[in-house]
Amino acid sequence: MPESERLKPDEHSKSKRKREMDDLQKIGESLIKLTASQLKQIELPDTLRSAIHEAKSLSAHGAIRRQLQYIGRLMREVDAEPIKLALQRIRSSHHQHAAQFHQVEEWRTKLIAGGDEALGVFITEHPKTDKQQLRQLVRKAQLDQKTEKNTGAEKALFNYLRGILGATS
């Protein structure tokens, strides 16, 4: 008798159930990798939350694997969709912060290398910028690069740009 005839309409094949369990276990792995503050953003049952904290404290590979299996078992008892959505929201937030960081780094590099031309482009794109302070920071950073000193001017420029670009995005 073929397998499709043996299964009732509401039953799944063993391999499908196993794939679903593996998916839940992978969600558990993702939860373990989150920081404490990120984990607080997700609504989880207390047993699952404590199992995740326990897994974070383990160091032996076998113990971590067993704990992940336990987390996967606990995940079967809860609705995983809200947890998946919260994980996606946290990941997208992380990607946005990384993109903004790269944008600030790019502008810092352009301003130091490009001089007044790059400064003019930046000021036209961001008219609320304090031109005098920006020019001062750029010149100090350029001087640092020429003299191969590290007075913190590049970092100060980066922080200033992050403040401007963070306010506009």
N, C-alpha and C. Protein backbone atom coordinates (compact mmCIF):
# COMPACT_ATOMS: atom_id res chain seq x y z
N MET A 1 0.84 -1.17 0.00
CA MET A 1 0.00 0.00 0.00
C MET A 1 0.89 1.25 0.00
N PRO A 2 0.68 2.19 -0.94
CA PRO A 2 1.50 3.40 -1.00
C PRO A 2 1.34 4.25 0.26
N GLU A 3 2.37 5.05 0.55
CA GLU A 3 2.36 5.86 1.76
C GLU A 3 1.23 6.88 1.77
N SER A 4 0.91 7.44 0.61
CA SER A 4 -0.13 8.45 0.55
C SER A 4 -1.49 7.90 0.95
N GLU A 5 -1.71 6.59 0.74
CA GLU A 5 -2.99 5.99 1.13
C GLU A 5 -3.02 5.69 2.62
N ARG A 6 -1.86 5.41 3.21
CA ARG A 6 -1.81 5.09 4.64
C ARG A 6 -2.00 6.33 5.51
N LEU A 7 -1.59 7.50 5.03
CA LEU A 7 -1.68 8.72 5.82
C LEU A 7 -3.09 9.28 5.77
N LYS A 8 -3.55 9.71 6.90
CA LYS A 8 -4.83 10.40 6.95
C LYS A 8 -4.59 11.82 6.44
N PRO A 9 -5.64 12.51 6.00
CA PRO A 9 -5.45 13.85 5.42
C PRO A 9 -4.75 14.84 6.35
N ASP A 10 -4.94 14.72 7.66
CA ASP A 10 -4.34 15.70 8.57
C ASP A 10 -2.95 15.28 9.07
N GLU A 11 -2.44 14.13 8.65
CA GLU A 11 -1.12 13.66 9.06
C GLU A 11 -0.07 14.06 8.03
N HIS A 12 1.16 14.22 8.49
CA HIS A 12 2.27 14.54 7.60
C HIS A 12 3.20 13.34 7.55
N SER A 13 3.99 13.27 6.52
CA SER A 13 4.97 12.20 6.42
C SER A 13 6.04 12.41 7.49
N LYS A 14 6.75 11.35 7.81
CA LYS A 14 7.79 11.41 8.83
C LYS A 14 8.88 12.40 8.43
N SER A 15 9.24 12.41 7.16
CA SER A 15 10.30 13.32 6.71
C SER A 15 9.85 14.78 6.80
N LYS A 16 8.58 15.05 6.54
CA LYS A 16 8.08 16.42 6.64
C LYS A 16 8.09 16.88 8.10
N ARG A 17 7.65 15.99 9.01
CA ARG A 17 7.68 16.33 10.43
C ARG A 17 9.12 16.60 10.88
N LYS A 18 10.04 15.79 10.38
CA LYS A 18 11.45 15.95 10.76
C LYS A 18 11.99 17.29 10.25
N ARG A 19 11.62 17.67 9.02
CA ARG A 19 12.05 18.97 8.48
C ARG A 19 11.50 20.11 9.33
N GLU A 20 10.24 19.99 9.73
CA GLU A 20 9.63 21.02 10.57
C GLU A 20 10.34 21.13 11.91
N MET A 21 10.71 19.97 12.48
CA MET A 21 11.43 19.97 13.76
C MET A 21 12.82 20.60 13.60
N ASP A 22 13.48 20.30 12.49
CA ASP A 22 14.79 20.91 12.22
C ASP A 22 14.67 22.42 12.09
N ASP A 23 13.60 22.87 11.42
CA ASP A 23 13.37 24.31 11.28
C ASP A 23 13.19 24.97 12.65
N LEU A 24 12.42 24.32 13.52
CA LEU A 24 12.21 24.87 14.86
C LEU A 24 13.52 24.90 15.65
N GLN A 25 14.34 23.87 15.45
CA GLN A 25 15.63 23.82 16.14
C GLN A 25 16.54 24.94 15.63
N LYS A 26 16.46 25.24 14.33
CA LYS A 26 17.27 26.34 13.77
C LYS A 26 16.82 27.69 14.33
N ILE A 27 15.51 27.82 14.53
CA ILE A 27 15.00 29.05 15.16
C ILE A 27 15.58 29.15 16.57
N GLY A 28 15.62 28.01 17.27
CA GLY A 28 16.22 27.97 18.60
C GLY A 28 17.68 28.39 18.58
N GLU A 29 18.43 27.93 17.56
CA GLU A 29 19.83 28.34 17.42
C GLU A 29 19.94 29.84 17.24
N SER A 30 19.04 30.40 16.44
CA SER A 30 19.04 31.85 16.22
C SER A 30 18.75 32.58 17.52
N LEU A 31 17.84 32.04 18.32
CA LEU A 31 17.51 32.68 19.60
C LEU A 31 18.71 32.67 20.54
N ILE A 32 19.49 31.61 20.50
CA ILE A 32 20.67 31.50 21.37
C ILE A 32 21.71 32.55 21.00
N LYS A 33 21.80 32.89 19.72
CA LYS A 33 22.81 33.84 19.26
C LYS A 33 22.45 35.30 19.57
N LEU A 34 21.21 35.54 19.99
CA LEU A 34 20.79 36.91 20.28
C LEU A 34 21.40 37.41 21.58
N THR A 35 21.55 38.72 21.67
CA THR A 35 22.01 39.33 22.92
C THR A 35 20.84 39.34 23.91
N ALA A 36 21.14 39.62 25.16
CA ALA A 36 20.11 39.64 26.19
C ALA A 36 19.04 40.69 25.89
N SER A 37 19.46 41.86 25.42
CA SER A 37 18.48 42.91 25.12
C SER A 37 17.61 42.54 23.93
N GLN A 38 18.19 41.88 22.93
CA GLN A 38 17.39 41.45 21.78
C GLN A 38 16.41 40.36 22.20
N LEU A 39 16.84 39.48 23.07
CA LEU A 39 16.00 38.38 23.53
C LEU A 39 14.80 38.91 24.33
N LYS A 40 15.01 40.01 25.05
CA LYS A 40 13.91 40.61 25.82
C LYS A 40 12.81 41.15 24.92
N GLN A 41 13.14 41.48 23.68
CA GLN A 41 12.16 42.03 22.75
C GLN A 41 11.18 40.97 22.25
N ILE A 42 11.51 39.70 22.44
CA ILE A 42 10.68 38.62 21.92
C ILE A 42 9.89 38.00 23.07
N GLU A 43 8.60 37.85 22.85
CA GLU A 43 7.74 37.23 23.86
C GLU A 43 7.90 35.72 23.78
N LEU A 44 8.42 35.14 24.86
CA LEU A 44 8.68 33.70 24.92
C LEU A 44 8.13 33.13 26.23
N PRO A 45 7.71 31.86 26.21
CA PRO A 45 7.33 31.22 27.48
C PRO A 45 8.55 31.12 28.40
N ASP A 46 8.31 31.11 29.69
CA ASP A 46 9.42 31.09 30.66
C ASP A 46 10.31 29.87 30.50
N THR A 47 9.71 28.70 30.22
CA THR A 47 10.52 27.48 30.08
C THR A 47 11.47 27.60 28.89
N LEU A 48 10.98 28.15 27.80
CA LEU A 48 11.81 28.33 26.60
C LEU A 48 12.91 29.35 26.86
N ARG A 49 12.55 30.44 27.52
CA ARG A 49 13.53 31.49 27.82
C ARG A 49 14.65 30.94 28.72
N SER A 50 14.28 30.16 29.73
CA SER A 50 15.31 29.62 30.63
C SER A 50 16.16 28.57 29.91
N ALA A 51 15.56 27.80 28.98
CA ALA A 51 16.33 26.82 28.20
C ALA A 51 17.34 27.53 27.31
N ILE A 52 16.97 28.68 26.77
CA ILE A 52 17.87 29.47 25.92
C ILE A 52 19.03 30.01 26.76
N HIS A 53 18.71 30.54 27.95
CA HIS A 53 19.78 31.05 28.83
C HIS A 53 20.72 29.93 29.24
N GLU A 54 20.15 28.75 29.50
CA GLU A 54 20.97 27.58 29.86
C GLU A 54 21.91 27.23 28.71
N ALA A 55 21.39 27.24 27.47
CA ALA A 55 22.21 26.88 26.31
C ALA A 55 23.36 27.86 26.13
N LYS A 56 23.13 29.12 26.45
CA LYS A 56 24.19 30.13 26.32
C LYS A 56 25.33 29.87 27.29
N SER A 57 25.02 29.25 28.42
CA SER A 57 26.06 29.03 29.43
C SER A 57 26.84 27.74 29.20
N LEU A 58 26.38 26.88 28.29
CA LEU A 58 27.06 25.60 28.04
C LEU A 58 28.24 25.79 27.10
N SER A 59 29.27 24.96 27.29
CA SER A 59 30.43 25.06 26.41
C SER A 59 30.73 23.76 25.68
N ALA A 60 30.32 22.63 26.23
CA ALA A 60 30.58 21.34 25.59
C ALA A 60 29.66 21.15 24.39
N HIS A 61 30.23 20.71 23.28
CA HIS A 61 29.47 20.58 22.03
C HIS A 61 28.26 19.65 22.20
N GLY A 62 28.46 18.51 22.84
CA GLY A 62 27.37 17.55 23.03
C GLY A 62 26.25 18.13 23.87
N ALA A 63 26.63 18.86 24.90
CA ALA A 63 25.63 19.47 25.78
C ALA A 63 24.83 20.53 25.04
N ILE A 64 25.50 21.30 24.21
CA ILE A 64 24.80 22.32 23.43
C ILE A 64 23.84 21.67 22.45
N ARG A 65 24.29 20.59 21.81
CA ARG A 65 23.44 19.87 20.86
C ARG A 65 22.18 19.34 21.55
N ARG A 66 22.35 18.73 22.72
CA ARG A 66 21.19 18.21 23.47
C ARG A 66 20.26 19.34 23.88
N GLN A 67 20.84 20.46 24.30
CA GLN A 67 20.02 21.59 24.72
C GLN A 67 19.25 22.16 23.53
N LEU A 68 19.88 22.18 22.35
CA LEU A 68 19.18 22.64 21.14
C LEU A 68 18.02 21.71 20.80
N GLN A 69 18.22 20.43 20.98
CA GLN A 69 17.12 19.48 20.74
C GLN A 69 15.98 19.74 21.72
N TYR A 70 16.33 20.02 22.96
CA TYR A 70 15.32 20.33 23.97
C TYR A 70 14.58 21.62 23.60
N ILE A 71 15.31 22.61 23.16
CA ILE A 71 14.68 23.87 22.74
C ILE A 71 13.75 23.61 21.56
N GLY A 72 14.19 22.77 20.62
CA GLY A 72 13.34 22.41 19.49
C GLY A 72 12.05 21.74 19.95
N ARG A 73 12.15 20.88 20.96
CA ARG A 73 10.96 20.22 21.51
C ARG A 73 10.03 21.26 22.14
N LEU A 74 10.60 22.20 22.88
CA LEU A 74 9.79 23.26 23.50
C LEU A 74 9.14 24.14 22.43
N MET A 75 9.86 24.37 21.33
CA MET A 75 9.34 25.21 20.25
C MET A 75 8.10 24.59 19.60
N ARG A 76 8.00 23.25 19.63
CA ARG A 76 6.83 22.59 19.04
C ARG A 76 5.55 22.92 19.79
N GLU A 77 5.69 23.30 21.05
CA GLU A 77 4.53 23.58 21.89
C GLU A 77 4.05 25.02 21.77
N VAL A 78 4.82 25.88 21.13
CA VAL A 78 4.44 27.29 20.99
C VAL A 78 4.22 27.62 19.52
N ASP A 79 3.54 28.73 19.28
CA ASP A 79 3.36 29.21 17.92
C ASP A 79 4.67 29.89 17.50
N ALA A 80 5.33 29.33 16.51
CA ALA A 80 6.65 29.81 16.11
C ALA A 80 6.59 31.04 15.21
N GLU A 81 5.45 31.33 14.60
CA GLU A 81 5.36 32.46 13.66
C GLU A 81 5.73 33.80 14.30
N PRO A 82 5.16 34.16 15.47
CA PRO A 82 5.56 35.45 16.07
C PRO A 82 7.05 35.50 16.39
N ILE A 83 7.63 34.37 16.75
CA ILE A 83 9.06 34.32 17.06
C ILE A 83 9.86 34.55 15.79
N LYS A 84 9.44 33.90 14.68
CA LYS A 84 10.12 34.10 13.39
C LYS A 84 10.06 35.56 12.97
N LEU A 85 8.88 36.17 13.11
CA LEU A 85 8.72 37.57 12.73
C LEU A 85 9.61 38.49 13.57
N ALA A 86 9.68 38.20 14.87
CA ALA A 86 10.52 39.02 15.75
C ALA A 86 12.00 38.87 15.37
N LEU A 87 12.41 37.66 15.02
CA LEU A 87 13.80 37.44 14.59
C LEU A 87 14.09 38.20 13.30
N GLN A 88 13.14 38.19 12.36
CA GLN A 88 13.33 38.93 11.11
C GLN A 88 13.43 40.42 11.37
N ARG A 89 12.61 40.92 12.29
CA ARG A 89 12.63 42.35 12.63
C ARG A 89 13.99 42.73 13.23
N ILE A 90 14.50 41.87 14.10
CA ILE A 90 15.80 42.14 14.73
C ILE A 90 16.91 42.11 13.69
N ARG A 91 16.86 41.13 12.78
CA ARG A 91 17.89 41.04 11.73
C ARG A 91 17.85 42.25 10.81
N SER A 92 16.64 42.68 10.42
CA SER A 92 16.54 43.82 9.51
C SER A 92 17.03 45.09 10.20
N SER A 93 16.76 45.21 11.48
CA SER A 93 17.25 46.36 12.24
C SER A 93 18.77 46.37 12.26
N HIS A 94 19.36 45.20 12.43
CA HIS A 94 20.83 45.08 12.43
C HIS A 94 21.40 45.48 11.07
N HIS A 95 20.74 45.04 10.00
CA HIS A 95 21.22 45.37 8.65
C HIS A 95 21.11 46.87 8.38
N GLN A 96 20.06 47.51 8.89
CA GLN A 96 19.90 48.95 8.71
C GLN A 96 21.02 49.70 9.42
N HIS A 97 21.34 49.26 10.64
CA HIS A 97 22.42 49.92 11.39
C HIS A 97 23.76 49.74 10.68
N ALA A 98 23.98 48.55 10.14
CA ALA A 98 25.24 48.28 9.42
C ALA A 98 25.33 49.15 8.17
N ALA A 99 24.22 49.28 7.45
CA ALA A 99 24.21 50.10 6.24
C ALA A 99 24.48 51.56 6.58
N GLN A 100 23.88 52.04 7.66
CA GLN A 100 24.10 53.42 8.07
C GLN A 100 25.57 53.63 8.47
N PHE A 101 26.14 52.66 9.17
CA PHE A 101 27.54 52.73 9.57
C PHE A 101 28.44 52.83 8.35
N HIS A 102 28.17 52.02 7.33
CA HIS A 102 28.98 52.05 6.11
C HIS A 102 28.82 53.37 5.37
N GLN A 103 27.62 53.93 5.39
CA GLN A 103 27.39 55.22 4.74
C GLN A 103 28.22 56.31 5.43
N VAL A 104 28.25 56.29 6.75
CA VAL A 104 29.03 57.28 7.51
C VAL A 104 30.52 57.11 7.20
N GLU A 105 30.99 55.86 7.19
CA GLU A 105 32.40 55.59 6.87
C GLU A 105 32.75 56.10 5.47
N GLU A 106 31.84 55.85 4.53
CA GLU A 106 32.06 56.27 3.14
C GLU A 106 32.21 57.79 3.06
N TRP A 107 31.28 58.51 3.73
CA TRP A 107 31.34 59.97 3.70
C TRP A 107 32.62 60.48 4.35
N ARG A 108 33.01 59.87 5.46
CA ARG A 108 34.24 60.30 6.13
C ARG A 108 35.43 60.17 5.18
N THR A 109 35.51 59.03 4.51
CA THR A 109 36.61 58.79 3.57
C THR A 109 36.57 59.80 2.42
N LYS A 110 35.37 60.04 1.88
CA LYS A 110 35.23 60.99 0.76
C LYS A 110 35.65 62.39 1.20
N LEU A 111 35.20 62.80 2.38
CA LEU A 111 35.50 64.15 2.84
C LEU A 111 36.99 64.35 3.09
N ILE A 112 37.64 63.35 3.65
CA ILE A 112 39.08 63.48 3.92
C ILE A 112 39.86 63.48 2.62
N ALA A 113 39.49 62.62 1.68
CA ALA A 113 40.22 62.51 0.41
C ALA A 113 39.81 63.59 -0.58
N GLY A 114 38.54 63.96 -0.58
CA GLY A 114 38.01 64.85 -1.61
C GLY A 114 38.15 66.32 -1.34
N GLY A 115 38.39 66.70 -0.12
CA GLY A 115 38.58 68.11 0.20
C GLY A 115 37.32 68.95 0.04
N ASP A 116 37.51 70.17 -0.51
CA ASP A 116 36.41 71.14 -0.61
C ASP A 116 35.29 70.69 -1.53
N GLU A 117 35.63 69.97 -2.59
CA GLU A 117 34.60 69.50 -3.53
C GLU A 117 33.63 68.53 -2.82
N ALA A 118 34.18 67.57 -2.11
CA ALA A 118 33.34 66.61 -1.38
C ALA A 118 32.57 67.32 -0.27
N LEU A 119 33.21 68.30 0.33
CA LEU A 119 32.56 69.08 1.38
C LEU A 119 31.34 69.81 0.83
N GLY A 120 31.48 70.39 -0.36
CA GLY A 120 30.36 71.09 -1.00
C GLY A 120 29.21 70.15 -1.31
N VAL A 121 29.53 68.96 -1.80
CA VAL A 121 28.50 67.97 -2.11
C VAL A 121 27.76 67.57 -0.84
N PHE A 122 28.50 67.32 0.22
CA PHE A 122 27.88 66.91 1.49
C PHE A 122 26.97 68.01 2.02
N ILE A 123 27.44 69.24 1.97
CA ILE A 123 26.67 70.37 2.51
C ILE A 123 25.39 70.59 1.69
N THR A 124 25.45 70.39 0.36
CA THR A 124 24.23 70.53 -0.44
C THR A 124 23.24 69.41 -0.13
N GLU A 125 23.74 68.21 0.13
CA GLU A 125 22.84 67.10 0.45
C GLU A 125 22.28 67.23 1.87
N HIS A 126 23.04 67.86 2.75
CA HIS A 126 22.63 68.01 4.15
C HIS A 126 22.78 69.47 4.55
N PRO A 127 21.83 70.32 4.17
CA PRO A 127 21.97 71.77 4.37
C PRO A 127 21.98 72.23 5.83
N LYS A 128 21.50 71.42 6.76
CA LYS A 128 21.47 71.84 8.16
C LYS A 128 22.80 71.62 8.87
N THR A 129 23.80 71.19 8.11
CA THR A 129 25.13 70.92 8.67
C THR A 129 25.81 72.22 9.08
N ASP A 130 26.50 72.20 10.21
CA ASP A 130 27.31 73.33 10.65
C ASP A 130 28.59 73.30 9.80
N LYS A 131 28.63 74.15 8.79
CA LYS A 131 29.72 74.13 7.80
C LYS A 131 31.09 74.35 8.44
N GLN A 132 31.15 75.30 9.35
CA GLN A 132 32.43 75.64 9.97
C GLN A 132 32.96 74.46 10.79
N GLN A 133 32.11 73.84 11.57
CA GLN A 133 32.55 72.72 12.39
C GLN A 133 32.98 71.54 11.52
N LEU A 134 32.20 71.28 10.46
CA LEU A 134 32.54 70.18 9.56
C LEU A 134 33.89 70.43 8.89
N ARG A 135 34.11 71.66 8.39
CA ARG A 135 35.39 71.99 7.75
C ARG A 135 36.56 71.79 8.72
N GLN A 136 36.34 72.23 9.95
CA GLN A 136 37.38 72.10 10.97
C GLN A 136 37.72 70.62 11.22
N LEU A 137 36.69 69.80 11.36
CA LEU A 137 36.90 68.37 11.61
C LEU A 137 37.60 67.69 10.44
N VAL A 138 37.20 68.07 9.22
CA VAL A 138 37.81 67.48 8.02
C VAL A 138 39.28 67.88 7.95
N ARG A 139 39.58 69.14 8.19
CA ARG A 139 40.98 69.60 8.12
C ARG A 139 41.85 68.92 9.17
N LYS A 140 41.31 68.75 10.38
CA LYS A 140 42.08 68.05 11.42
C LYS A 140 42.34 66.61 11.03
N ALA A 141 41.34 65.96 10.45
CA ALA A 141 41.50 64.56 10.02
C ALA A 141 42.51 64.46 8.88
N GLN A 142 42.48 65.43 7.95
CA GLN A 142 43.45 65.44 6.85
C GLN A 142 44.87 65.64 7.40
N LEU A 143 45.00 66.53 8.36
CA LEU A 143 46.30 66.78 8.98
C LEU A 143 46.81 65.53 9.69
N ASP A 144 45.91 64.83 10.37
CA ASP A 144 46.29 63.57 11.04
C ASP A 144 46.84 62.57 10.04
N GLN A 145 46.19 62.47 8.89
CA GLN A 145 46.65 61.50 7.89
C GLN A 145 48.00 61.91 7.30
N LYS A 146 48.18 63.21 7.05
CA LYS A 146 49.45 63.67 6.47
C LYS A 146 50.61 63.46 7.43
N THR A 147 50.39 63.76 8.70
CA THR A 147 51.46 63.64 9.69
C THR A 147 51.52 62.25 10.32
N GLU A 148 50.62 61.39 9.91
CA GLU A 148 50.53 60.02 10.43
C GLU A 148 50.42 60.00 11.95
N LYS A 149 49.66 60.94 12.47
CA LYS A 149 49.38 60.99 13.90
C LYS A 149 47.93 60.55 14.11
N ASN A 150 47.65 60.17 15.33
CA ASN A 150 46.28 59.79 15.64
C ASN A 150 45.82 60.62 16.83
N THR A 151 45.21 61.75 16.54
CA THR A 151 44.73 62.63 17.61
C THR A 151 43.24 62.42 17.87
N GLY A 152 42.63 61.51 17.13
CA GLY A 152 41.20 61.24 17.31
C GLY A 152 40.33 62.09 16.42
N ALA A 153 40.94 62.81 15.47
CA ALA A 153 40.17 63.69 14.60
C ALA A 153 39.25 62.89 13.67
N GLU A 154 39.74 61.75 13.16
CA GLU A 154 38.91 60.93 12.28
C GLU A 154 37.70 60.38 13.03
N LYS A 155 37.92 60.00 14.26
CA LYS A 155 36.82 59.49 15.07
C LYS A 155 35.82 60.60 15.37
N ALA A 156 36.32 61.78 15.66
CA ALA A 156 35.44 62.92 15.93
C ALA A 156 34.62 63.26 14.68
N LEU A 157 35.26 63.21 13.51
CA LEU A 157 34.55 63.45 12.26
C LEU A 157 33.49 62.38 12.04
N PHE A 158 33.85 61.13 12.30
CA PHE A 158 32.91 60.02 12.15
C PHE A 158 31.69 60.23 13.04
N ASN A 159 31.93 60.57 14.31
CA ASN A 159 30.82 60.78 15.24
C ASN A 159 29.94 61.95 14.82
N TYR A 160 30.55 63.00 14.32
CA TYR A 160 29.78 64.16 13.85
C TYR A 160 28.91 63.77 12.66
N LEU A 161 29.51 63.06 11.70
CA LEU A 161 28.76 62.62 10.52
C LEU A 161 27.64 61.66 10.91
N ARG A 162 27.92 60.78 11.86
CA ARG A 162 26.89 59.83 12.30
C ARG A 162 25.71 60.59 12.90
N GLY A 163 26.00 61.65 13.64
CA GLY A 163 24.93 62.46 14.21
C GLY A 163 24.08 63.12 13.13
N ILE A 164 24.72 63.62 12.10
CA ILE A 164 24.00 64.28 11.01
C ILE A 164 23.22 63.26 10.18
N LEU A 165 23.90 62.19 9.76
CA LEU A 165 23.25 61.20 8.90
C LEU A 165 22.22 60.39 9.65
N GLY A 166 22.41 60.19 10.94
CA GLY A 166 21.44 59.46 11.75
C GLY A 166 20.16 60.26 11.93
N ALA A 167 20.28 61.57 11.98
CA ALA A 167 19.11 62.43 12.15
C ALA A 167 18.29 62.52 10.88
N THR A 168 18.93 62.34 9.72
CA THR A 168 18.20 62.48 8.46
C THR A 168 17.61 61.18 7.97
N SER A 169 18.11 60.03 8.49
CA SER A 169 17.57 58.76 7.97
C SER A 169 16.49 58.20 8.85
